[in-house]
C-alpha atoms as a PDB file:
ATOM      1  CA  UNK A   1       5.554  17.118 -18.572  1.00  0.00           C
ATOM      2  CA  UNK A   2       5.339  16.266 -14.673  1.00  0.00           C
ATOM      3  CA  UNK A   3       6.503  12.995 -13.147  1.00  0.00           C
ATOM      4  CA  UNK A   4       5.699  11.138 -10.121  1.00  0.00           C
ATOM      5  CA  UNK A   5       7.512   8.530  -8.580  1.00  0.00           C
ATOM      6  CA  UNK A   6       7.266   5.692  -5.697  1.00  0.00           C
ATOM      7  CA  UNK A   7       4.918   3.004  -5.293  1.00  0.00           C
ATOM      8  CA  UNK A   8       2.865   4.674  -2.833  1.00  0.00           C
ATOM      9  CA  UNK A   9       2.863   8.320  -4.709  1.00  0.00           C
ATOM     10  CA  UNK A  10       1.544   6.698  -7.921  1.00  0.00           C
ATOM     11  CA  UNK A  11      -0.770   4.322  -6.112  1.00  0.00           C
ATOM     12  CA  UNK A  12      -2.529   7.307  -4.357  1.00  0.00           C
ATOM     13  CA  UNK A  13      -2.529   9.691  -7.282  1.00  0.00           C
ATOM     14  CA  UNK A  14      -4.456   6.727  -9.249  1.00  0.00           C
ATOM     15  CA  UNK A  15      -6.653   6.375  -6.398  1.00  0.00           C
ATOM     16  CA  UNK A  16      -7.455  10.254  -5.703  1.00  0.00           C
ATOM     17  CA  UNK A  17      -7.905  10.979  -9.564  1.00  0.00           C
ATOM     18  CA  UNK A  18      -6.899  14.543  -9.312  1.00  0.00           C
ATOM     19  CA  UNK A  19      -4.236  14.136 -12.214  1.00  0.00           C
ATOM     20  CA  UNK A  20      -4.364  13.470 -15.838  1.00  0.00           C
ATOM     21  CA  UNK A  21      -2.373  10.249 -16.524  1.00  0.00           C
ATOM     22  CA  UNK A  22      -0.433  10.145 -19.920  1.00  0.00           C
ATOM     23  CA  UNK A  23       1.401   6.669 -19.029  1.00  0.00           C
ATOM     24  CA  UNK A  24       2.775   4.955 -16.208  1.00  0.00           C
ATOM     25  CA  UNK A  25       6.752   3.623 -16.590  1.00  0.00           C
ATOM     26  CA  UNK A  26       7.173   0.459 -14.540  1.00  0.00           C
ATOM     27  CA  UNK A  27      10.749  -1.335 -14.003  1.00  0.00           C
ATOM     28  CA  UNK A  28      10.508  -4.647 -16.325  1.00  0.00           C
ATOM     29  CA  UNK A  29      13.308  -6.069 -14.100  1.00  0.00           C
ATOM     30  CA  UNK A  30      11.066  -5.975 -10.937  1.00  0.00           C
ATOM     31  CA  UNK A  31       7.946  -8.474 -10.167  1.00  0.00           C
ATOM     32  CA  UNK A  32       6.339  -8.194  -6.864  1.00  0.00           C
ATOM     33  CA  UNK A  33       2.682  -7.686  -5.555  1.00  0.00           C
ATOM     34  CA  UNK A  34       3.097  -3.877  -4.415  1.00  0.00           C
ATOM     35  CA  UNK A  35       4.233  -3.128  -8.244  1.00  0.00           C
ATOM     36  CA  UNK A  36       1.617  -5.372  -9.827  1.00  0.00           C
ATOM     37  CA  UNK A  37      -1.245  -3.764  -8.220  1.00  0.00           C
ATOM     38  CA  UNK A  38      -0.195  -0.422  -9.493  1.00  0.00           C
ATOM     39  CA  UNK A  39       0.000  -1.982 -12.747  1.00  0.00           C
ATOM     40  CA  UNK A  40      -3.661  -3.750 -12.282  1.00  0.00           C
ATOM     41  CA  UNK A  41      -4.993  -0.117 -11.000  1.00  0.00           C
ATOM     42  CA  UNK A  42      -3.804   1.585 -14.446  1.00  0.00           C
ATOM     43  CA  UNK A  43      -5.153  -0.915 -16.828  1.00  0.00           C
ATOM     44  CA  UNK A  44      -8.651  -0.568 -14.746  1.00  0.00           C
ATOM     45  CA  UNK A  45      -8.417   3.140 -15.255  1.00  0.00           C
ATOM     46  CA  UNK A  46      -7.137   2.601 -18.970  1.00  0.00           C
ATOM     47  CA  UNK A  47      -3.770   4.386 -17.969  1.00  0.00           C
ATOM     48  CA  UNK A  48      -1.197   3.013 -20.421  1.00  0.00           C
ATOM     49  CA  UNK A  49       1.519   0.866 -18.841  1.00  0.00           C
ATOM     50  CA  UNK A  50       4.939   0.857 -20.604  1.00  0.00           C
ATOM     51  CA  UNK A  51       7.813  -1.625 -18.932  1.00  0.00           C
ATOM     52  CA  UNK A  52      11.350  -0.093 -19.259  1.00  0.00           C
ATOM     53  CA  UNK A  53      14.646  -0.625 -17.963  1.00  0.00           C
ATOM     54  CA  UNK A  54      15.795   0.939 -14.294  1.00  0.00           C
ATOM     55  CA  UNK A  55      18.331   3.478 -16.458  1.00  0.00           C
ATOM     56  CA  UNK A  56      14.956   4.922 -17.962  1.00  0.00           C
ATOM     57  CA  UNK A  57      13.388   5.407 -15.091  1.00  0.00           C
ATOM     58  CA  UNK A  58      16.477   6.961 -13.378  1.00  0.00           C
ATOM     59  CA  UNK A  59      16.204   9.649 -16.223  1.00  0.00           C
ATOM     60  CA  UNK A  60      12.681  10.356 -15.584  1.00  0.00           C
ATOM     61  CA  UNK A  61      12.732  10.425 -11.955  1.00  0.00           C
ATOM     62  CA  UNK A  62      15.848  12.369 -11.859  1.00  0.00           C
ATOM     63  CA  UNK A  63      17.106   9.955  -9.274  1.00  0.00           C
ATOM     64  CA  UNK A  64      17.168   6.207  -8.316  1.00  0.00           C
ATOM     65  CA  UNK A  65      14.748   5.946  -5.370  1.00  0.00           C
ATOM     66  CA  UNK A  66      11.441   5.720  -7.805  1.00  0.00           C
ATOM     67  CA  UNK A  67      11.003   2.044  -6.635  1.00  0.00           C
ATOM     68  CA  UNK A  68      10.553   0.653 -10.118  1.00  0.00           C
ATOM     69  CA  UNK A  69       7.515   3.147 -11.030  1.00  0.00           C
ATOM     70  CA  UNK A  70       7.213   6.493 -12.659  1.00  0.00           C
ATOM     71  CA  UNK A  71       4.104   8.223 -13.668  1.00  0.00           C
ATOM     72  CA  UNK A  72       4.055  10.751 -16.589  1.00  0.00           C
ATOM     73  CA  UNK A  73       1.302  13.115 -15.277  1.00  0.00           C
ATOM     74  CA  UNK A  74      -0.777  16.357 -15.387  1.00  0.00           C
ATOM     75  CA  UNK A  75       0.677  19.167 -12.734  1.00  0.00           C
ATOM     76  CA  UNK A  76      -0.911  18.879  -9.083  1.00  0.00           C
ATOM     77  CA  UNK A  77      -4.057  21.184  -9.234  1.00  0.00           C
ATOM     78  CA  UNK A  78      -4.131  23.828  -6.364  1.00  0.00           C
ATOM     79  CA  UNK A  79      -6.877  24.848  -4.571  1.00  0.00           C
ATOM     80  CA  UNK A  80      -7.953  28.478  -3.442  1.00  0.00           C
ATOM     81  CA  UNK A  81      -8.277  29.038   0.701  1.00  0.00           C
ATOM     82  CA  UNK A  82     -12.072  28.721   0.522  1.00  0.00           C
ATOM     83  CA  UNK A  83     -11.814  25.229  -0.760  1.00  0.00           C
ATOM     84  CA  UNK A  84      -9.302  24.723   2.452  1.00  0.00           C
ATOM     85  CA  UNK A  85     -11.692  26.073   5.013  1.00  0.00           C
ATOM     86  CA  UNK A  86     -14.632  23.958   3.331  1.00  0.00           C
ATOM     87  CA  UNK A  87     -12.780  20.750   3.712  1.00  0.00           C
ATOM     88  CA  UNK A  88     -13.419  20.281   7.257  1.00  0.00           C
ATOM     89  CA  UNK A  89     -13.224  16.540   8.394  1.00  0.00           C
ATOM     90  CA  UNK A  90     -14.480  16.858  11.883  1.00  0.00           C
ATOM     91  CA  UNK A  91     -16.054  18.866  14.570  1.00  0.00           C
ATOM     92  CA  UNK A  92     -13.458  21.718  14.235  1.00  0.00           C
ATOM     93  CA  UNK A  93     -11.276  22.900  11.315  1.00  0.00           C
ATOM     94  CA  UNK A  94      -7.624  22.444  11.431  1.00  0.00           C
ATOM     95  CA  UNK A  95      -5.552  23.871   8.975  1.00  0.00           C
ATOM     96  CA  UNK A  96      -1.612  24.223   8.513  1.00  0.00           C
ATOM     97  CA  UNK A  97      -0.314  27.565   7.329  1.00  0.00           C
ATOM     98  CA  UNK A  98       3.389  27.294   6.448  1.00  0.00           C
ATOM     99  CA  UNK A  99       5.032  30.799   6.413  1.00  0.00           C
ATOM    100  CA  UNK A 100       7.993  29.579   3.585  1.00  0.00           C
ATOM    101  CA  UNK A 101       9.073  25.773   4.097  1.00  0.00           C
ATOM    102  CA  UNK A 102      11.755  25.382   1.351  1.00  0.00           C
ATOM    103  CA  UNK A 103      12.576  21.849   1.855  1.00  0.00           C
ATOM    104  CA  UNK A 104      10.755  19.208  -0.285  1.00  0.00           C
ATOM    105  CA  UNK A 105      11.302  16.770   1.943  1.00  0.00           C
ATOM    106  CA  UNK A 106      10.091  18.894   5.108  1.00  0.00           C
ATOM    107  CA  UNK A 107       6.872  19.891   3.242  1.00  0.00           C
ATOM    108  CA  UNK A 108       6.398  15.982   2.074  1.00  0.00           C
ATOM    109  CA  UNK A 109       6.872  14.987   5.671  1.00  0.00           C
ATOM    110  CA  UNK A 110       4.369  17.728   7.187  1.00  0.00           C
ATOM    111  CA  UNK A 111       1.489  17.100   4.293  1.00  0.00           C
ATOM    112  CA  UNK A 112       1.614  13.360   5.455  1.00  0.00           C
ATOM    113  CA  UNK A 113       1.050  14.469   8.932  1.00  0.00           C
ATOM    114  CA  UNK A 114      -1.178  16.855   8.627  1.00  0.00           C
ATOM    115  CA  UNK A 115      -3.432  14.407   6.226  1.00  0.00           C
ATOM    116  CA  UNK A 116      -3.043  11.701   8.999  1.00  0.00           C
ATOM    117  CA  UNK A 117      -4.194  14.309  11.770  1.00  0.00           C
ATOM    118  CA  UNK A 118      -7.392  15.135   9.882  1.00  0.00           C
ATOM    119  CA  UNK A 119      -6.403  18.472   8.845  1.00  0.00           C
ATOM    120  CA  UNK A 120      -8.652  20.389   6.297  1.00  0.00           C
ATOM    121  CA  UNK A 121      -5.583  20.928   4.469  1.00  0.00           C
ATOM    122  CA  UNK A 122      -2.277  22.954   3.881  1.00  0.00           C
ATOM    123  CA  UNK A 123      -1.674  26.734   2.571  1.00  0.00           C
ATOM    124  CA  UNK A 124       1.774  27.589   1.549  1.00  0.00           C
ATOM    125  CA  UNK A 125       2.838  30.712  -0.496  1.00  0.00           C
ATOM    126  CA  UNK A 126       3.343  31.275  -3.955  1.00  0.00           C
ATOM    127  CA  UNK A 127       6.902  32.598  -3.677  1.00  0.00           C
ATOM    128  CA  UNK A 128      10.196  31.877  -1.697  1.00  0.00           C
ATOM    129  CA  UNK A 129       8.846  28.264  -0.976  1.00  0.00           C
ATOM    130  CA  UNK A 130       8.571  24.758  -2.324  1.00  0.00           C
ATOM    131  CA  UNK A 131       5.620  23.493  -4.193  1.00  0.00           C
ATOM    132  CA  UNK A 132       4.151  20.091  -4.941  1.00  0.00           C
ATOM    133  CA  UNK A 133       7.102  18.786  -6.996  1.00  0.00           C
ATOM    134  CA  UNK A 134       7.736  15.046  -7.472  1.00  0.00           C
ATOM    135  CA  UNK A 135      10.172  14.993  -4.475  1.00  0.00           C
ATOM    136  CA  UNK A 136       7.155  16.433  -2.258  1.00  0.00           C
ATOM    137  CA  UNK A 137       4.698  13.847  -3.467  1.00  0.00           C
ATOM    138  CA  UNK A 138       7.171  10.982  -2.765  1.00  0.00           C
ATOM    139  CA  UNK A 139       7.979  12.145   0.895  1.00  0.00           C
ATOM    140  CA  UNK A 140       4.454  12.469   1.133  1.00  0.00           C
ATOM    141  CA  UNK A 141       3.855   8.963   0.539  1.00  0.00           C
ATOM    142  CA  UNK A 142       0.925  10.032  -1.671  1.00  0.00           C
ATOM    143  CA  UNK A 143      -0.581  12.433   0.983  1.00  0.00           C
ATOM    144  CA  UNK A 144      -0.345  15.229  -1.450  1.00  0.00           C
ATOM    145  CA  UNK A 145      -2.981  13.895  -3.770  1.00  0.00           C
ATOM    146  CA  UNK A 146      -5.702  14.111  -1.349  1.00  0.00           C
ATOM    147  CA  UNK A 147      -5.154  16.835   0.899  1.00  0.00           C
ATOM    148  CA  UNK A 148      -6.376  20.194  -0.628  1.00  0.00           C
ATOM    149  CA  UNK A 149      -3.143  22.319  -0.825  1.00  0.00           C
ATOM    150  CA  UNK A 150      -3.728  26.213  -1.541  1.00  0.00           C
ATOM    151  CA  UNK A 151      -1.248  28.769  -2.863  1.00  0.00           C
ATOM    152  CA  UNK A 152      -1.472  32.277  -1.303  1.00  0.00           C
ATOM    153  CA  UNK A 153       0.352  35.298  -2.454  1.00  0.00           C
ATOM    154  CA  UNK A 154       0.566  36.924   1.243  1.00  0.00           C
ATOM    155  CA  UNK A 155       0.627  34.465   4.477  1.00  0.00           C
ATOM    156  CA  UNK A 156      -0.084  37.595   6.649  1.00  0.00           C
ATOM    157  CA  UNK A 157      -3.107  38.842   4.456  1.00  0.00           C
ATOM    158  CA  UNK A 158      -4.396  35.327   4.847  1.00  0.00           C
ATOM    159  CA  UNK A 159      -4.261  34.750   8.242  1.00  0.00           C
ATOM    160  CA  UNK A 160      -6.407  37.913   8.450  1.00  0.00           C
ATOM    161  CA  UNK A 161      -8.752  36.202   6.055  1.00  0.00           C
ATOM    162  CA  UNK A 162      -8.769  32.753   8.045  1.00  0.00           C
ATOM    163  CA  UNK A 163      -9.452  35.339  11.384  1.00  0.00           C
ATOM    164  CA  UNK A 164     -12.593  36.950   9.445  1.00  0.00           C
ATOM    165  CA  UNK A 165     -13.825  33.106   8.662  1.00  0.00           C
ATOM    166  CA  UNK A 166     -13.773  32.455  12.628  1.00  0.00           C
ATOM    167  CA  UNK A 167     -10.503  30.294  12.617  1.00  0.00           C
ATOM    168  CA  UNK A 168      -8.279  31.129  15.704  1.00  0.00           C
ATOM    169  CA  UNK A 169      -4.394  31.399  14.356  1.00  0.00           C
ATOM    170  CA  UNK A 170      -2.000  29.615  16.394  1.00  0.00           C
ATOM    171  CA  UNK A 171       1.721  30.681  15.678  1.00  0.00           C
ATOM    172  CA  UNK A 172       4.696  28.055  16.549  1.00  0.00           C
ATOM    173  CA  UNK A 173       8.014  30.120  17.093  1.00  0.00           C
ATOM    174  CA  UNK A 174      10.503  29.616  19.635  1.00  0.00           C
ATOM    175  CA  UNK A 175       9.479  33.376  20.885  1.00  0.00           C
ATOM    176  CA  UNK A 176       6.363  31.998  22.312  1.00  0.00           C
ATOM    177  CA  UNK A 177       5.582  32.415  25.942  1.00  0.00           C
ATOM    178  CA  UNK A 178       3.159  30.054  26.001  1.00  0.00           C
ATOM    179  CA  UNK A 179       3.519  26.156  25.571  1.00  0.00           C
ATOM    180  CA  UNK A 180       2.081  24.520  23.016  1.00  0.00           C
ATOM    181  CA  UNK A 181       0.436  22.106  24.792  1.00  0.00           C
ATOM    182  CA  UNK A 182      -1.093  24.770  27.492  1.00  0.00           C
ATOM    183  CA  UNK A 183      -3.536  25.885  24.689  1.00  0.00           C
ATOM    184  CA  UNK A 184      -6.906  24.249  24.131  1.00  0.00           C
ATOM    185  CA  UNK A 185      -7.509  23.525  20.745  1.00  0.00           C
ATOM    186  CA  UNK A 186     -11.250  22.449  20.763  1.00  0.00           C
ATOM    187  CA  UNK A 187     -11.719  25.521  18.352  1.00  0.00           C
ATOM    188  CA  UNK A 188     -11.859  26.064  14.513  1.00  0.00           C
ATOM    189  CA  UNK A 189      -7.752  26.969  14.167  1.00  0.00           C
ATOM    190  CA  UNK A 190      -4.746  27.331  11.995  1.00  0.00           C
ATOM    191  CA  UNK A 191      -1.330  25.860  13.313  1.00  0.00           C
ATOM    192  CA  UNK A 192       1.066  28.158  11.450  1.00  0.00           C
ATOM    193  CA  UNK A 193       4.642  27.071  11.147  1.00  0.00           C
ATOM    194  CA  UNK A 194       7.880  28.803  10.050  1.00  0.00           C
ATOM    195  CA  UNK A 195      10.646  28.507   7.483  1.00  0.00           C
ATOM    196  CA  UNK A 196      13.819  26.269   8.121  1.00  0.00           C
ATOM    197  CA  UNK A 197      15.946  27.965  10.476  1.00  0.00           C
ATOM    198  CA  UNK A 198      14.154  31.451  10.062  1.00  0.00           C
ATOM    199  CA  UNK A 199      10.788  30.525  11.974  1.00  0.00           C
ATOM    200  CA  UNK A 200       7.923  32.850  11.279  1.00  0.00           C
ATOM    201  CA  UNK A 201       8.223  36.138   9.741  1.00  0.00           C
ATOM    202  CA  UNK A 202       7.731  39.243  12.152  1.00  0.00           C
ATOM    203  CA  UNK A 203       4.639  40.267  10.615  1.00  0.00           C
ATOM    204  CA  UNK A 204       3.182  37.073  10.327  1.00  0.00           C
ATOM    205  CA  UNK A 205       4.001  36.410  14.074  1.00  0.00           C
ATOM    206  CA  UNK A 206       2.221  39.601  15.159  1.00  0.00           C
ATOM    207  CA  UNK A 207      -0.850  38.301  13.207  1.00  0.00           C
ATOM    208  CA  UNK A 208      -1.520  35.190  15.012  1.00  0.00           C
ATOM    209  CA  UNK A 209      -3.943  35.223  18.064  1.00  0.00           C
ATOM    210  CA  UNK A 210      -1.709  32.819  20.069  1.00  0.00           C
ATOM    211  CA  UNK A 211       2.306  32.264  19.936  1.00  0.00           C
ATOM    212  CA  UNK A 212       3.197  29.123  21.321  1.00  0.00           C
ATOM    213  CA  UNK A 213       6.461  27.206  21.635  1.00  0.00           C
ATOM    214  CA  UNK A 214       7.809  23.775  22.329  1.00  0.00           C
ATOM    215  CA  UNK A 215      10.168  23.402  25.263  1.00  0.00           C
ATOM    216  CA  UNK A 216      13.588  22.361  24.495  1.00  0.00           C
ATOM    217  CA  UNK A 217      15.124  20.468  27.140  1.00  0.00           C
ATOM    218  CA  UNK A 218      18.709  19.737  25.132  1.00  0.00           C
ATOM    219  CA  UNK A 219      21.408  22.219  23.469  1.00  0.00           C
ATOM    220  CA  UNK A 220      20.005  22.749  20.472  1.00  0.00           C
ATOM    221  CA  UNK A 221      17.150  25.551  20.255  1.00  0.00           C
ATOM    222  CA  UNK A 222      14.309  24.155  18.145  1.00  0.00           C
ATOM    223  CA  UNK A 223      13.322  20.947  16.114  1.00  0.00           C
ATOM    224  CA  UNK A 224      13.047  20.504  12.456  1.00  0.00           C
ATOM    225  CA  UNK A 225       9.685  21.882  11.392  1.00  0.00           C
ATOM    226  CA  UNK A 226       8.422  18.937  10.371  1.00  0.00           C
ATOM    227  CA  UNK A 227       8.823  17.059  13.648  1.00  0.00           C
ATOM    228  CA  UNK A 228       7.292  20.190  15.186  1.00  0.00           C
ATOM    229  CA  UNK A 229       4.265  19.966  13.095  1.00  0.00           C
ATOM    230  CA  UNK A 230       3.911  16.376  14.249  1.00  0.00           C
ATOM    231  CA  UNK A 231       4.096  17.316  17.966  1.00  0.00           C
ATOM    232  CA  UNK A 232       1.635  20.125  17.712  1.00  0.00           C
ATOM    233  CA  UNK A 233      -1.049  18.656  15.423  1.00  0.00           C
ATOM    234  CA  UNK A 234      -0.866  15.129  17.406  1.00  0.00           C
ATOM    235  CA  UNK A 235      -1.705  17.447  20.368  1.00  0.00           C
ATOM    236  CA  UNK A 236      -4.504  18.593  18.594  1.00  0.00           C
ATOM    237  CA  UNK A 237      -5.669  15.453  17.859  1.00  0.00           C
ATOM    238  CA  UNK A 238      -5.178  14.260  21.549  1.00  0.00           C
ATOM    239  CA  UNK A 239      -7.156  17.062  22.558  1.00  0.00           C
ATOM    240  CA  UNK A 240     -10.159  16.509  20.642  1.00  0.00           C
ATOM    241  CA  UNK A 241     -10.090  12.813  20.785  1.00  0.00           C
ATOM    242  CA  UNK A 242     -10.448  13.234  24.384  1.00  0.00           C
ATOM    243  CA  UNK A 243     -13.299  15.773  23.961  1.00  0.00           C
ATOM    244  CA  UNK A 244     -14.868  13.219  21.676  1.00  0.00           C
ATOM    245  CA  UNK A 245     -14.829  10.364  24.174  1.00  0.00           C
END
């Protein structure tokens, strides 16, 4: 069985209708409007609701951060790379490629930002990286349920495939000599981000058409990967919005 928890996570999963729901557990001690909306949506969709104690919800979620709701569901269905490329949401494609992000909170935050920035979807590797877990779904505030996510066997090879589909590949790396905001993002492109503490693998960096960096004016050499993703993705949004006006 798979579990997702948190009001936004469960509400967005119900809205997206991408998972099969066995049942939803709701804290019998809680009585508030946000939780009632989840219960009402379950009833609209014919999903069973069980009112249980908080101890039971803690056990199901594996923690006490569930906000009084835990759903028993099927696993997240991953997409293939073509699905992500086809899911263009504006004039230009914007694909986010993650080269081995391991922290579920970072992945969740990146998914949330990618969805907000209008990205087609996110690409993650099958191995040595976190997948869409309950923690990721919670950290993404349910964005993981709407955004196409593709799992691939080899990130370097995937960059070649993206280039064959006429997407430019932009790697974010502290070794990049070009500032991230000096590039014109009014093009179909993929933003490539590396793992925590490691950055991009050398082969992946070499496969990128552009290698850009964020200037660091303090003592630490780099930003958290999810923060860096937000900086670059919203530079893309800013530039494309300016052109649209």
